Amino acid sequence: MAHNPIGPLGAADEGFTHQVADTFAVVGTSDPAWTEKVCAMAMARDGSLQIGFGLGRYPNRNVLDAYAAVSQGTQQTTVRSSRSLSSDPESTSVGPIRYQVLEPLQQVRFSLEANEVQPISFEITFDGIVPPQLEERTHMRDQYRVSADLVRYHQTGVATGWVQLDGQRTEVNPDSWVCTRDHSWGVRYDVGPPTVDRADSTAFPAGVGFMMIWCPALMERPDGSRYALHLHFTLVQMPGFAQKTVTAGVEHVDGSVDPIVDLQPDLQFDPENRRLLGGTVMGTMQDGSQRPIQIEVLGDTGVQLGAGLYFGLDGHHHGEWRGEFHLDGERFEDCSDPQTARRLHQIRDTAVRVIDPVGGGVGWGNCQPIAAGPWPELGLADDPWM
């Protein structure tokens, strides 16, 4: 019998949404970095408690992995799980960690069951206040290879459910908690262990500064009306050169978006651990008008994404094969400690309050910052760690 070069058949193949001449088990590239990923955050408006969640599907690695975390002040507790994708290809659960779509583009649920690894569990239902919005395509090159080519949408809303930490249960209600989520797919950077048989071009050279934020926030006006802000920029600079990308906007409940075409940051960072301390970003709207936006950090709470294997942790990376099933986790008592901060990397879901005088709203969200390399005007030395 002739070999039949078609992927395995699954339940999704009963649907009418195929886009390539293969089964849903197969993606359009054999690149091992191809990833489909969801990430979510729920936080108390006062910044006292935050939940982090992520799940990744890596078909060319036969891996499905996830993390679930709770941050309270400087303390963070994380559970991670990984399994073979082929053992249950249609499911979006990995051990005690689960993701469910309840209503497409409107309501999802993410949860962590009680487990033997760490004393945390939660069940959170996200309800969108504004419709999801696509971001600009991420396209990056590492020498001759396209190292990232992915699309992402994000959505801002509220949370309902509960969280339990060390035996203490906290009810989560939409009046006092906000929730954000994003969903991306494509060839992704930093998937699996770094390759060792090619030149290392991942670190920024001496003298090069890199800064970014990614910040969705749910905004409320005094009359109770709501909207969302999405603030995202990357900035690379060195003497005589600067390059910036901006994807930002004011998102309304009817689905319309007022684009913010530029963001000029005036942010402060702790020089010891590079944590965001707050500041302002000056937005420029499409008509040229200015929109100052203030970002206030709500204490030390904020899930460190490095514990979810972003940029790796202790030699392990998301998408890495850990066997048919693997479950682990840990608790960090003080994520602000400089040595611990380096171990966990800079990027974290900083719990922030956002003030938008032009739009009339005050809001809450998660701001993911990085400030690597030299920023002498901010008191940051030429240190490339991210």
Protein backbone atom coordinates (compact mmCIF):
# COMPACT_ATOMS: atom_id res chain seq x y z
CA MET A 1 0.00 0.00 0.00
CA ALA A 2 1.33 3.44 -0.92
CA HIS A 3 2.21 5.78 1.93
CA ASN A 4 -0.52 8.35 2.55
CA PRO A 5 1.12 11.66 3.62
CA ILE A 6 -1.83 13.01 5.58
CA GLY A 7 -1.95 13.85 9.29
CA PRO A 8 -4.09 11.88 11.74
CA LEU A 9 -7.84 12.44 11.69
CA GLY A 10 -9.52 14.15 14.65
CA ALA A 11 -12.90 15.47 15.76
CA ALA A 12 -12.09 18.96 14.46
CA ASP A 13 -11.98 17.55 10.93
CA GLU A 14 -15.77 17.20 11.00
CA GLY A 15 -16.00 21.00 10.79
CA PHE A 16 -15.96 23.25 7.73
CA THR A 17 -13.04 25.50 8.65
CA HIS A 18 -10.09 23.73 6.99
CA GLN A 19 -7.59 26.08 5.35
CA VAL A 20 -4.87 23.74 4.09
CA ALA A 21 -5.01 20.38 2.32
CA ASP A 22 -4.38 18.37 5.46
CA THR A 23 -6.04 17.45 8.74
CA PHE A 24 -6.26 19.80 11.71
CA ALA A 25 -3.41 17.89 13.35
CA VAL A 26 -1.02 19.51 10.87
CA VAL A 27 -0.01 23.18 10.67
CA GLY A 28 1.28 24.98 7.61
CA THR A 29 4.97 24.74 8.54
CA SER A 30 7.27 22.12 10.02
CA ASP A 31 9.12 24.75 12.09
CA PRO A 32 9.38 23.36 15.66
CA ALA A 33 8.73 26.87 17.00
CA TRP A 34 5.15 26.93 15.67
CA THR A 35 2.97 27.67 18.70
CA GLU A 36 -0.63 28.39 19.56
CA LYS A 37 -0.84 30.08 22.94
CA VAL A 38 -3.35 31.66 25.28
CA CYS A 39 -2.42 33.83 28.23
CA ALA A 40 -4.74 35.34 30.84
CA MET A 41 -4.55 37.55 33.92
CA ALA A 42 -7.10 38.35 36.64
CA MET A 43 -6.41 40.87 39.39
CA ALA A 44 -8.08 42.63 42.28
CA ARG A 45 -8.44 46.33 41.54
CA ASP A 46 -6.50 47.22 44.67
CA GLY A 47 -3.53 45.12 43.53
CA SER A 48 -3.71 42.81 46.54
CA LEU A 49 -3.96 39.56 44.57
CA GLN A 50 -3.36 38.43 40.99
CA ILE A 51 -3.78 35.21 39.00
CA GLY A 52 -1.72 34.30 35.94
CA PHE A 53 -2.43 31.59 33.39
CA GLY A 54 -0.95 30.35 30.13
CA LEU A 55 -1.38 27.34 27.85
CA GLY A 56 0.67 26.50 24.76
CA ARG A 57 0.17 23.95 21.98
CA TYR A 58 3.24 22.93 19.96
CA PRO A 59 2.13 20.44 17.27
CA ASN A 60 5.58 20.08 15.72
CA ARG A 61 6.96 19.18 19.16
CA ASN A 62 4.06 16.96 20.25
CA VAL A 63 3.75 19.06 23.42
CA LEU A 64 0.90 20.76 25.29
CA ASP A 65 2.02 22.71 28.36
CA ALA A 66 0.58 25.22 30.79
CA TYR A 67 1.25 27.26 33.91
CA ALA A 68 -0.98 28.66 36.64
CA ALA A 69 0.24 31.17 39.22
CA VAL A 70 -0.91 33.32 42.13
CA SER A 71 0.92 36.51 43.12
CA GLN A 72 0.41 38.30 46.43
CA GLY A 73 2.86 41.09 47.10
CA THR A 74 6.38 39.86 46.44
CA GLN A 75 5.36 36.21 46.86
CA GLN A 76 4.52 34.05 43.84
CA THR A 77 3.35 30.44 43.73
CA THR A 78 3.35 28.60 40.39
CA VAL A 79 2.25 25.21 39.08
CA ARG A 80 3.44 23.99 35.67
CA SER A 81 2.31 20.99 33.68
CA SER A 82 3.31 19.39 30.38
CA ARG A 83 2.16 16.34 28.43
CA SER A 84 2.33 14.74 25.02
CA LEU A 85 -0.11 16.42 22.66
CA SER A 86 -0.90 13.17 20.88
CA SER A 87 -2.20 11.56 24.09
CA ASP A 88 -5.33 13.79 23.88
CA PRO A 89 -5.03 16.14 20.88
CA GLU A 90 -8.48 17.77 21.16
CA SER A 91 -8.27 18.65 24.86
CA THR A 92 -7.00 21.93 26.31
CA SER A 93 -6.21 20.55 29.74
CA VAL A 94 -2.83 19.54 31.12
CA GLY A 95 -3.10 17.69 34.41
CA PRO A 96 -4.78 20.04 36.90
CA ILE A 97 -4.65 23.06 34.54
CA ARG A 98 -7.56 23.63 32.15
CA TYR A 99 -8.76 26.15 29.55
CA GLN A 100 -12.30 26.25 28.16
CA VAL A 101 -14.01 28.42 25.54
CA LEU A 102 -17.56 29.03 26.78
CA GLU A 103 -18.64 31.60 24.17
CA PRO A 104 -16.28 32.35 21.26
CA LEU A 105 -14.70 35.81 21.44
CA GLN A 106 -16.63 36.65 24.61
CA GLN A 107 -16.28 34.23 27.52
CA VAL A 108 -13.57 31.74 28.53
CA ARG A 109 -12.70 29.89 31.72
CA PHE A 110 -9.25 29.04 33.05
CA SER A 111 -8.69 26.95 36.13
CA LEU A 112 -6.25 25.11 38.34
CA GLU A 113 -7.52 22.16 40.36
CA ALA A 114 -6.20 21.33 43.82
CA ASN A 115 -2.89 19.54 43.33
CA GLU A 116 -0.01 17.96 45.22
CA VAL A 117 2.60 20.45 43.99
CA GLN A 118 1.57 23.78 45.56
CA PRO A 119 -1.27 24.96 47.84
CA ILE A 120 -3.08 27.02 45.20
CA SER A 121 -6.17 26.49 43.06
CA PHE A 122 -8.63 28.70 41.22
CA GLU A 123 -11.47 28.85 38.73
CA ILE A 124 -11.90 32.09 36.80
CA THR A 125 -14.47 32.97 34.14
CA PHE A 126 -13.51 35.85 31.85
CA ASP A 127 -16.27 38.01 30.36
CA GLY A 128 -15.27 40.51 27.69
CA ILE A 129 -16.35 44.12 28.14
CA VAL A 130 -14.96 45.18 24.77
CA PRO A 131 -14.64 42.93 21.69
CA PRO A 132 -11.26 41.32 21.01
CA GLN A 133 -8.87 43.26 18.80
CA LEU A 134 -6.09 42.03 16.54
CA GLU A 135 -2.63 43.47 17.06
CA GLU A 136 -0.06 44.13 14.36
CA ARG A 137 1.59 40.97 13.05
CA THR A 138 4.84 40.11 14.84
CA HIS A 139 7.54 39.49 12.25
CA MET A 140 11.17 39.13 13.36
CA ARG A 141 14.34 37.87 11.74
CA ASP A 142 17.36 36.28 13.38
CA GLN A 143 20.04 36.56 10.71
CA TYR A 144 18.67 34.51 7.78
CA ARG A 145 15.82 32.82 9.65
CA VAL A 146 12.36 34.21 10.31
CA SER A 147 12.34 33.76 14.09
CA ALA A 148 8.81 35.04 14.67
CA ASP A 149 5.78 35.30 12.42
CA LEU A 150 2.62 35.29 14.48
CA VAL A 151 -0.70 37.01 14.96
CA ARG A 152 -2.32 37.89 18.26
CA TYR A 153 -5.57 39.27 19.54
CA HIS A 154 -6.25 40.57 23.03
CA GLN A 155 -9.39 41.32 25.01
CA THR A 156 -10.19 43.19 28.20
CA GLY A 157 -12.98 42.38 30.62
CA VAL A 158 -13.90 41.27 34.12
CA ALA A 159 -13.46 38.12 36.21
CA THR A 160 -15.83 35.92 38.20
CA GLY A 161 -14.93 32.90 40.32
CA TRP A 162 -12.64 32.09 43.21
CA VAL A 163 -9.00 31.58 44.16
CA GLN A 164 -7.55 29.61 47.07
CA LEU A 165 -4.08 30.26 48.49
CA ASP A 166 -2.75 28.36 51.51
CA GLY A 167 -6.25 27.21 52.41
CA GLN A 168 -7.75 30.71 52.29
CA ARG A 169 -10.47 31.14 49.67
CA THR A 170 -11.13 34.53 48.06
CA GLU A 171 -14.26 35.16 46.02
CA VAL A 172 -13.66 36.89 42.70
CA ASN A 173 -16.42 39.20 41.48
CA PRO A 174 -16.65 41.47 38.43
CA ASP A 175 -17.17 44.63 40.50
CA SER A 176 -13.72 44.44 42.08
CA TRP A 177 -11.65 42.31 39.65
CA VAL A 178 -10.51 42.94 36.09
CA CYS A 179 -9.32 40.35 33.60
CA THR A 180 -7.33 40.40 30.36
CA ARG A 181 -6.44 37.69 27.88
CA ASP A 182 -4.66 37.16 24.59
CA HIS A 183 -4.48 34.38 22.00
CA SER A 184 -1.66 34.03 19.47
CA TRP A 185 -0.51 31.53 16.87
CA GLY A 186 2.40 31.18 14.46
CA VAL A 187 6.16 30.77 14.57
CA ARG A 188 7.18 32.09 18.00
CA TYR A 189 10.45 33.22 19.55
CA ASP A 190 11.97 31.43 22.55
CA VAL A 191 10.34 28.02 22.11
CA GLY A 192 12.23 24.99 23.37
CA PRO A 193 15.85 24.88 24.54
CA PRO A 194 18.25 27.19 22.65
CA THR A 195 20.03 25.52 19.76
CA VAL A 196 23.74 25.01 20.33
CA ASP A 197 24.93 24.51 16.75
CA ARG A 198 24.52 28.09 15.49
CA ALA A 199 25.81 31.54 16.34
CA ASP A 200 24.18 33.13 19.39
CA SER A 201 22.43 36.33 18.31
CA THR A 202 19.80 36.56 21.05
CA ALA A 203 21.58 38.95 23.42
CA PHE A 204 21.70 42.68 22.76
CA PRO A 205 25.24 43.98 22.12
CA ALA A 206 26.85 46.33 24.59
CA GLY A 207 25.55 49.86 24.27
CA VAL A 208 22.11 48.87 22.93
CA GLY A 209 19.04 49.67 25.01
CA PHE A 210 15.74 47.83 24.62
CA MET A 211 12.48 48.91 26.24
CA MET A 212 8.91 47.71 25.87
CA ILE A 213 5.54 47.61 27.55
CA TRP A 214 2.42 45.63 26.72
CA CYS A 215 -0.51 46.91 28.73
CA PRO A 216 -4.25 46.28 28.34
CA ALA A 217 -6.48 48.10 30.84
CA LEU A 218 -10.21 48.27 31.56
CA MET A 219 -11.28 51.89 31.96
CA GLU A 220 -14.32 53.34 33.75
CA ARG A 221 -15.75 56.86 33.64
CA PRO A 222 -17.61 58.49 36.55
CA ASP A 223 -20.94 57.78 34.78
CA GLY A 224 -20.17 54.04 34.75
CA SER A 225 -19.44 53.75 31.02
CA ARG A 226 -16.46 51.63 30.06
CA TYR A 227 -13.78 51.35 27.41
CA ALA A 228 -10.33 49.81 27.18
CA LEU A 229 -6.82 51.03 26.49
CA HIS A 230 -4.17 48.91 24.85
CA LEU A 231 -0.62 50.30 25.08
CA HIS A 232 2.24 48.47 23.41
CA PHE A 233 5.56 49.76 22.15
CA THR A 234 9.07 48.44 21.60
CA LEU A 235 12.05 50.77 21.49
CA VAL A 236 15.63 49.96 20.51
CA GLN A 237 18.21 52.69 20.78
CA MET A 238 21.94 53.29 20.72
CA PRO A 239 24.05 56.37 20.03
CA GLY A 240 22.89 57.79 16.71
CA PHE A 241 20.08 55.27 16.19
CA ALA A 242 16.58 54.62 17.50
CA GLN A 243 13.76 52.40 16.26
CA LYS A 244 10.27 52.16 17.70
CA THR A 245 7.16 50.11 16.95
CA VAL A 246 3.75 51.01 18.35
CA THR A 247 0.50 49.03 18.49
CA ALA A 248 -1.97 50.92 20.65
CA GLY A 249 -5.51 52.19 20.72
CA VAL A 250 -8.62 53.25 22.57
CA GLU A 251 -11.08 50.36 22.31
CA HIS A 252 -14.83 50.94 22.59
CA VAL A 253 -17.64 48.56 23.51
CA ASP A 254 -19.10 48.80 19.99
CA GLY A 255 -15.86 47.37 18.55
CA SER A 256 -14.53 50.63 17.13
CA VAL A 257 -10.93 51.63 17.87
CA ASP A 258 -9.29 55.05 17.97
CA PRO A 259 -5.68 54.33 16.97
CA ILE A 260 -2.82 55.69 19.05
CA VAL A 261 -0.06 56.15 16.48
CA ASP A 262 2.80 56.96 18.86
CA LEU A 263 3.70 56.44 22.50
CA GLN A 264 6.43 58.49 24.14
CA PRO A 265 7.43 56.87 27.44
CA ASP A 266 8.48 58.69 30.59
CA LEU A 267 8.77 55.68 32.88
CA GLN A 268 10.87 54.88 35.93
CA PHE A 269 12.45 51.54 36.82
CA ASP A 270 14.17 50.20 39.93
CA PRO A 271 17.88 49.95 39.01
CA GLU A 272 18.37 46.91 41.27
CA ASN A 273 15.71 44.61 39.81
CA ARG A 274 14.43 46.65 36.82
CA ARG A 275 10.87 46.56 38.12
CA LEU A 276 8.55 49.21 36.71
CA LEU A 277 7.92 51.97 39.25
CA GLY A 278 5.37 53.94 37.20
CA GLY A 279 5.32 57.06 35.09
CA THR A 280 3.51 58.37 32.05
CA VAL A 281 3.26 57.65 28.36
CA MET A 282 2.32 60.45 25.98
CA GLY A 283 0.05 59.12 23.28
CA THR A 284 -0.38 60.74 19.89
CA MET A 285 -3.75 60.14 18.27
CA GLN A 286 -4.31 59.76 14.54
CA ASP A 287 -5.40 63.41 14.27
CA GLY A 288 -2.18 64.57 15.95
CA SER A 289 -3.74 65.40 19.31
CA GLN A 290 -1.90 64.46 22.49
CA ARG A 291 -3.22 62.02 25.09
CA PRO A 292 -1.21 61.77 28.33
CA ILE A 293 -1.72 58.48 30.16
CA GLN A 294 -0.50 57.92 33.71
CA ILE A 295 0.55 54.47 34.94
CA GLU A 296 0.59 53.85 38.71
CA VAL A 297 2.05 50.61 40.06
CA LEU A 298 -0.16 48.99 42.71
CA GLY A 299 2.54 47.65 45.01
CA ASP A 300 4.60 44.51 44.47
CA THR A 301 1.90 42.16 43.14
CA GLY A 302 2.47 40.87 39.61
CA VAL A 303 3.00 37.39 38.18
CA GLN A 304 6.55 36.87 36.91
CA LEU A 305 6.12 35.19 33.52
CA GLY A 306 9.55 33.58 33.83
CA ALA A 307 7.97 31.12 36.26
CA GLY A 308 5.74 30.19 33.32
CA LEU A 309 8.98 29.53 31.36
CA TYR A 310 9.02 32.79 29.37
CA PHE A 311 12.71 33.21 28.50
CA GLY A 312 13.29 29.98 30.43
CA LEU A 313 13.71 29.00 34.07
CA ASP A 314 16.66 27.00 35.39
CA GLY A 315 17.38 25.56 31.95
CA HIS A 316 13.80 24.68 30.99
CA HIS A 317 11.65 26.40 28.35
CA HIS A 318 8.05 26.34 27.20
CA GLY A 319 7.43 23.85 24.44
CA GLU A 320 10.18 21.59 25.76
CA TRP A 321 9.53 17.85 25.76
CA ARG A 322 9.30 16.73 29.41
CA GLY A 323 7.89 13.25 28.79
CA GLU A 324 4.39 11.84 28.48
CA PHE A 325 3.36 13.82 31.57
CA HIS A 326 5.22 16.19 33.88
CA LEU A 327 4.05 18.32 36.81
CA ASP A 328 6.10 20.70 38.94
CA GLY A 329 6.16 24.14 40.50
CA GLU A 330 7.58 26.26 43.29
CA ARG A 331 7.06 29.25 45.54
CA PHE A 332 9.26 32.34 45.48
CA GLU A 333 8.90 34.33 48.68
CA ASP A 334 10.44 37.54 47.34
CA CYS A 335 10.40 38.03 43.58
CA SER A 336 11.77 41.55 44.01
CA ASP A 337 15.10 40.25 45.33
CA PRO A 338 17.65 41.21 42.64
CA GLN A 339 19.06 37.69 42.26
CA THR A 340 15.59 36.15 42.12
CA ALA A 341 14.51 38.82 39.63
CA ARG A 342 17.32 37.81 37.28
CA ARG A 343 16.39 34.17 37.62
CA LEU A 344 12.76 34.98 36.72
CA HIS A 345 13.55 37.67 34.11
CA GLN A 346 12.00 41.11 33.89
CA ILE A 347 8.69 40.51 32.16
CA ARG A 348 5.81 40.35 34.65
CA ASP A 349 2.13 41.18 34.82
CA THR A 350 2.66 44.31 36.89
CA ALA A 351 -0.64 45.28 38.54
CA VAL A 352 -1.29 48.89 37.57
CA ARG A 353 -3.83 51.67 37.82
CA VAL A 354 -4.18 53.74 34.65
CA ILE A 355 -5.43 57.34 34.47
CA ASP A 356 -6.63 58.76 31.14
CA PRO A 357 -7.72 62.41 31.56
CA VAL A 358 -8.65 62.87 27.88
CA GLY A 359 -10.96 59.87 27.85
CA GLY A 360 -12.26 60.62 31.33
CA GLY A 361 -11.52 57.14 32.63
CA VAL A 362 -9.58 55.50 35.43
CA GLY A 363 -8.74 51.84 34.99
CA TRP A 364 -6.80 48.76 35.99
CA GLY A 365 -4.74 46.25 34.07
CA ASN A 366 -1.47 44.40 33.69
CA CYS A 367 1.61 46.12 32.34
CA GLN A 368 4.39 43.84 31.06
CA PRO A 369 7.65 45.85 31.00
CA ILE A 370 11.24 45.26 29.92
CA ALA A 371 14.10 47.76 30.19
CA ALA A 372 17.33 46.06 29.11
CA GLY A 373 20.72 47.56 28.42
CA PRO A 374 21.78 51.16 29.08
CA TRP A 375 19.25 53.86 29.90
CA PRO A 376 21.51 56.40 31.62
CA GLU A 377 18.75 59.01 31.81
CA LEU A 378 16.83 56.52 33.97
CA GLY A 379 19.82 55.46 36.06
CA LEU A 380 20.01 52.02 34.40
CA ALA A 381 23.46 50.60 33.65
CA ASP A 382 24.52 48.79 30.47
CA ASP A 383 23.27 45.38 31.55
CA PRO A 384 21.59 43.27 28.84
CA TRP A 385 19.59 40.91 31.07
CA MET A 386 15.90 40.67 30.22
